[in-house]
Amino acid sequence: MTPEVIAKLEQVFAIDGSVEEACSYAEIGRNSFYDYLKINPDFSNRIADLRERPVLKARQTAVNKIDESYSNAMDYLKRKKKLEFGDGIDVTSGGKPIPLLDYTKPNVRNNLGNEKDTGVNQED
């Protein structure tokens, strides 16, 4: 492994490239790459650090652009606070649909103020 080969590997990992892509760009075989990792285990940490750079850059861009539009802000919130702002709503309870109130039935309409009402029509 020459410094030039290591530099090429690092360039690819810095853009979150795969091992296959890095080896192809550096013109080395995957076996050579893995052999190098065995004798230089710290390089694995270097690869992990390099692969985080695009994520950090994307996160920084997302936060910096959040003021530019409502859509940017909502996209960020939907990803960070899925339960509160996410598009997916779980309408199941244990894999079964949650029963909805049928307000057209008199029994349901009459029991709306009743604290004992479970929301399920007893006539059904």
C-alpha atoms as a PDB file:
ATOM      1  CA  MET A   1       0.000   0.000   0.000  1.00  0.00           C
ATOM      2  CA  THR A   2       1.521   3.204  -1.146  1.00  0.00           C
ATOM      3  CA  PRO A   3       0.532   6.636   0.150  1.00  0.00           C
ATOM      4  CA  GLU A   4      -1.067   7.280  -3.252  1.00  0.00           C
ATOM      5  CA  VAL A   5      -3.239   4.154  -2.966  1.00  0.00           C
ATOM      6  CA  ILE A   6      -4.294   5.049   0.570  1.00  0.00           C
ATOM      7  CA  ALA A   7      -5.144   8.582  -0.568  1.00  0.00           C
ATOM      8  CA  LYS A   8      -7.343   7.190  -3.355  1.00  0.00           C
ATOM      9  CA  LEU A   9      -9.098   4.853  -0.923  1.00  0.00           C
ATOM     10  CA  GLU A  10      -9.723   7.762   1.432  1.00  0.00           C
ATOM     11  CA  GLN A  11     -11.138   9.894  -1.389  1.00  0.00           C
ATOM     12  CA  VAL A  12     -13.760   7.281  -2.153  1.00  0.00           C
ATOM     13  CA  PHE A  13     -14.627   6.617   1.497  1.00  0.00           C
ATOM     14  CA  ALA A  14     -14.971  10.381   2.037  1.00  0.00           C
ATOM     15  CA  ILE A  15     -17.914  10.321  -0.385  1.00  0.00           C
ATOM     16  CA  ASP A  16     -19.317   7.184   1.306  1.00  0.00           C
ATOM     17  CA  GLY A  17     -18.207   4.888  -1.483  1.00  0.00           C
ATOM     18  CA  SER A  18     -18.175   1.127  -1.100  1.00  0.00           C
ATOM     19  CA  VAL A  19     -15.120  -1.049  -0.616  1.00  0.00           C
ATOM     20  CA  GLU A  20     -15.557  -2.284  -4.185  1.00  0.00           C
ATOM     21  CA  GLU A  21     -15.610   1.266  -5.521  1.00  0.00           C
ATOM     22  CA  ALA A  22     -12.611   2.294  -3.432  1.00  0.00           C
ATOM     23  CA  CYS A  23     -10.555  -0.692  -4.538  1.00  0.00           C
ATOM     24  CA  SER A  24     -11.482  -0.155  -8.166  1.00  0.00           C
ATOM     25  CA  TYR A  25     -10.512   3.525  -7.990  1.00  0.00           C
ATOM     26  CA  ALA A  26      -7.260   2.730  -6.190  1.00  0.00           C
ATOM     27  CA  GLU A  27      -6.595  -0.107  -8.643  1.00  0.00           C
ATOM     28  CA  ILE A  28      -6.094  -2.751  -5.977  1.00  0.00           C
ATOM     29  CA  GLY A  29      -7.805  -6.043  -5.251  1.00  0.00           C
ATOM     30  CA  ARG A  30     -10.222  -6.427  -2.376  1.00  0.00           C
ATOM     31  CA  ASN A  31      -7.987  -9.080  -0.841  1.00  0.00           C
ATOM     32  CA  SER A  32      -5.150  -6.548  -0.698  1.00  0.00           C
ATOM     33  CA  PHE A  33      -7.471  -4.070   0.962  1.00  0.00           C
ATOM     34  CA  TYR A  34      -8.605  -6.565   3.599  1.00  0.00           C
ATOM     35  CA  ASP A  35      -5.021  -7.732   4.192  1.00  0.00           C
ATOM     36  CA  TYR A  36      -4.054  -4.110   4.819  1.00  0.00           C
ATOM     37  CA  LEU A  37      -6.902  -3.743   7.326  1.00  0.00           C
ATOM     38  CA  LYS A  38      -5.639  -6.790   9.224  1.00  0.00           C
ATOM     39  CA  ILE A  39      -2.216  -5.249   9.759  1.00  0.00           C
ATOM     40  CA  ASN A  40      -3.583  -1.691  10.161  1.00  0.00           C
ATOM     41  CA  PRO A  41      -6.822  -1.976  12.159  1.00  0.00           C
ATOM     42  CA  ASP A  42      -6.831   1.779  12.818  1.00  0.00           C
ATOM     43  CA  PHE A  43      -7.579   2.288   9.143  1.00  0.00           C
ATOM     44  CA  SER A  44     -11.059   0.845   9.776  1.00  0.00           C
ATOM     45  CA  ASN A  45     -11.729   3.726  12.167  1.00  0.00           C
ATOM     46  CA  ARG A  46     -10.416   6.161   9.573  1.00  0.00           C
ATOM     47  CA  ILE A  47     -12.814   4.711   6.992  1.00  0.00           C
ATOM     48  CA  ALA A  48     -15.755   5.004   9.410  1.00  0.00           C
ATOM     49  CA  ASP A  49     -14.854   8.621  10.122  1.00  0.00           C
ATOM     50  CA  LEU A  50     -14.558   9.436   6.440  1.00  0.00           C
ATOM     51  CA  ARG A  51     -17.917   7.841   5.684  1.00  0.00           C
ATOM     52  CA  GLU A  52     -19.605  10.104   8.239  1.00  0.00           C
ATOM     53  CA  ARG A  53     -18.514  13.259   6.427  1.00  0.00           C
ATOM     54  CA  PRO A  54     -21.286  13.225   3.797  1.00  0.00           C
ATOM     55  CA  VAL A  55     -23.866  12.650   6.529  1.00  0.00           C
ATOM     56  CA  LEU A  56     -22.547  15.580   8.534  1.00  0.00           C
ATOM     57  CA  LYS A  57     -22.411  17.778   5.452  1.00  0.00           C
ATOM     58  CA  ALA A  58     -25.991  16.843   4.520  1.00  0.00           C
ATOM     59  CA  ARG A  59     -27.146  17.510   8.076  1.00  0.00           C
ATOM     60  CA  GLN A  60     -25.413  20.899   8.047  1.00  0.00           C
ATOM     61  CA  THR A  61     -26.994  21.771   4.696  1.00  0.00           C
ATOM     62  CA  ALA A  62     -30.439  20.729   5.937  1.00  0.00           C
ATOM     63  CA  VAL A  63     -30.156  22.889   9.033  1.00  0.00           C
ATOM     64  CA  ASN A  64     -28.658  25.853   7.150  1.00  0.00           C
ATOM     65  CA  LYS A  65     -31.421  25.743   4.520  1.00  0.00           C
ATOM     66  CA  ILE A  66     -34.245  25.289   7.026  1.00  0.00           C
ATOM     67  CA  ASP A  67     -35.029  29.033   6.975  1.00  0.00           C
ATOM     68  CA  GLU A  68     -35.458  29.090   3.213  1.00  0.00           C
ATOM     69  CA  SER A  69     -38.824  27.354   3.111  1.00  0.00           C
ATOM     70  CA  TYR A  70     -41.581  25.809   5.152  1.00  0.00           C
ATOM     71  CA  SER A  71     -41.055  22.590   3.198  1.00  0.00           C
ATOM     72  CA  ASN A  72     -37.423  22.338   4.321  1.00  0.00           C
ATOM     73  CA  ALA A  73     -38.442  22.813   7.928  1.00  0.00           C
ATOM     74  CA  MET A  74     -41.219  20.226   7.729  1.00  0.00           C
ATOM     75  CA  ASP A  75     -38.993  17.693   5.972  1.00  0.00           C
ATOM     76  CA  TYR A  76     -36.499  18.039   8.783  1.00  0.00           C
ATOM     77  CA  LEU A  77     -39.152  17.687  11.472  1.00  0.00           C
ATOM     78  CA  LYS A  78     -40.734  14.671   9.775  1.00  0.00           C
ATOM     79  CA  ARG A  79     -37.418  12.874   9.917  1.00  0.00           C
ATOM     80  CA  LYS A  80     -36.355  13.974  13.392  1.00  0.00           C
ATOM     81  CA  LYS A  81     -39.720  13.808  15.166  1.00  0.00           C
ATOM     82  CA  LYS A  82     -41.539  11.057  13.265  1.00  0.00           C
ATOM     83  CA  LEU A  83     -44.189  10.411  15.907  1.00  0.00           C
ATOM     84  CA  GLU A  84     -45.205  14.041  16.076  1.00  0.00           C
ATOM     85  CA  PHE A  85     -44.698  15.235  12.478  1.00  0.00           C
ATOM     86  CA  GLY A  86     -44.417  12.054  10.391  1.00  0.00           C
ATOM     87  CA  ASP A  87     -46.722  11.152   7.534  1.00  0.00           C
ATOM     88  CA  GLY A  88     -47.350   7.599   8.706  1.00  0.00           C
ATOM     89  CA  ILE A  89     -50.119   7.229  11.226  1.00  0.00           C
ATOM     90  CA  ASP A  90     -50.535   3.886  12.920  1.00  0.00           C
ATOM     91  CA  VAL A  91     -54.227   3.090  12.786  1.00  0.00           C
ATOM     92  CA  THR A  92     -53.840  -0.384  14.192  1.00  0.00           C
ATOM     93  CA  SER A  93     -53.814  -1.848  17.634  1.00  0.00           C
ATOM     94  CA  GLY A  94     -51.930  -5.105  17.771  1.00  0.00           C
ATOM     95  CA  GLY A  95     -52.202  -5.477  14.011  1.00  0.00           C
ATOM     96  CA  LYS A  96     -55.990  -4.943  14.019  1.00  0.00           C
ATOM     97  CA  PRO A  97     -57.772  -1.767  12.923  1.00  0.00           C
ATOM     98  CA  ILE A  98     -58.811   0.528  15.748  1.00  0.00           C
ATOM     99  CA  PRO A  99     -62.633   0.730  15.786  1.00  0.00           C
ATOM    100  CA  LEU A 100     -64.005   4.090  14.774  1.00  0.00           C
ATOM    101  CA  LEU A 101     -67.056   5.701  16.289  1.00  0.00           C
ATOM    102  CA  ASP A 102     -70.114   5.665  14.085  1.00  0.00           C
ATOM    103  CA  TYR A 103     -71.734   8.976  15.007  1.00  0.00           C
ATOM    104  CA  THR A 104     -74.740   8.186  12.824  1.00  0.00           C
ATOM    105  CA  LYS A 105     -75.989   5.590  15.337  1.00  0.00           C
ATOM    106  CA  PRO A 106     -78.120   6.951  18.210  1.00  0.00           C
ATOM    107  CA  ASN A 107     -76.359   4.801  20.838  1.00  0.00           C
ATOM    108  CA  VAL A 108     -73.007   6.424  20.062  1.00  0.00           C
ATOM    109  CA  ARG A 109     -74.448   9.943  19.833  1.00  0.00           C
ATOM    110  CA  ASN A 110     -76.197   9.611  23.193  1.00  0.00           C
ATOM    111  CA  ASN A 111     -73.128   8.280  25.013  1.00  0.00           C
ATOM    112  CA  LEU A 112     -70.621  10.911  23.859  1.00  0.00           C
ATOM    113  CA  GLY A 113     -70.563  12.580  27.279  1.00  0.00           C
ATOM    114  CA  ASN A 114     -70.553   9.268  29.159  1.00  0.00           C
ATOM    115  CA  GLU A 115     -67.080   8.549  30.597  1.00  0.00           C
ATOM    116  CA  LYS A 116     -67.787   4.807  30.585  1.00  0.00           C
ATOM    117  CA  ASP A 117     -68.300   4.832  26.824  1.00  0.00           C
ATOM    118  CA  THR A 118     -65.607   2.755  25.107  1.00  0.00           C
ATOM    119  CA  GLY A 119     -66.368   4.202  21.702  1.00  0.00           C
ATOM    120  CA  VAL A 120     -67.512   0.834  20.411  1.00  0.00           C
ATOM    121  CA  ASN A 121     -71.143   0.446  19.483  1.00  0.00           C
ATOM    122  CA  GLN A 122     -72.629  -2.202  21.772  1.00  0.00           C
ATOM    123  CA  GLU A 123     -75.354  -3.075  19.244  1.00  0.00           C
ATOM    124  CA  ASP A 124     -72.838  -4.393  16.685  1.00  0.00           C
END
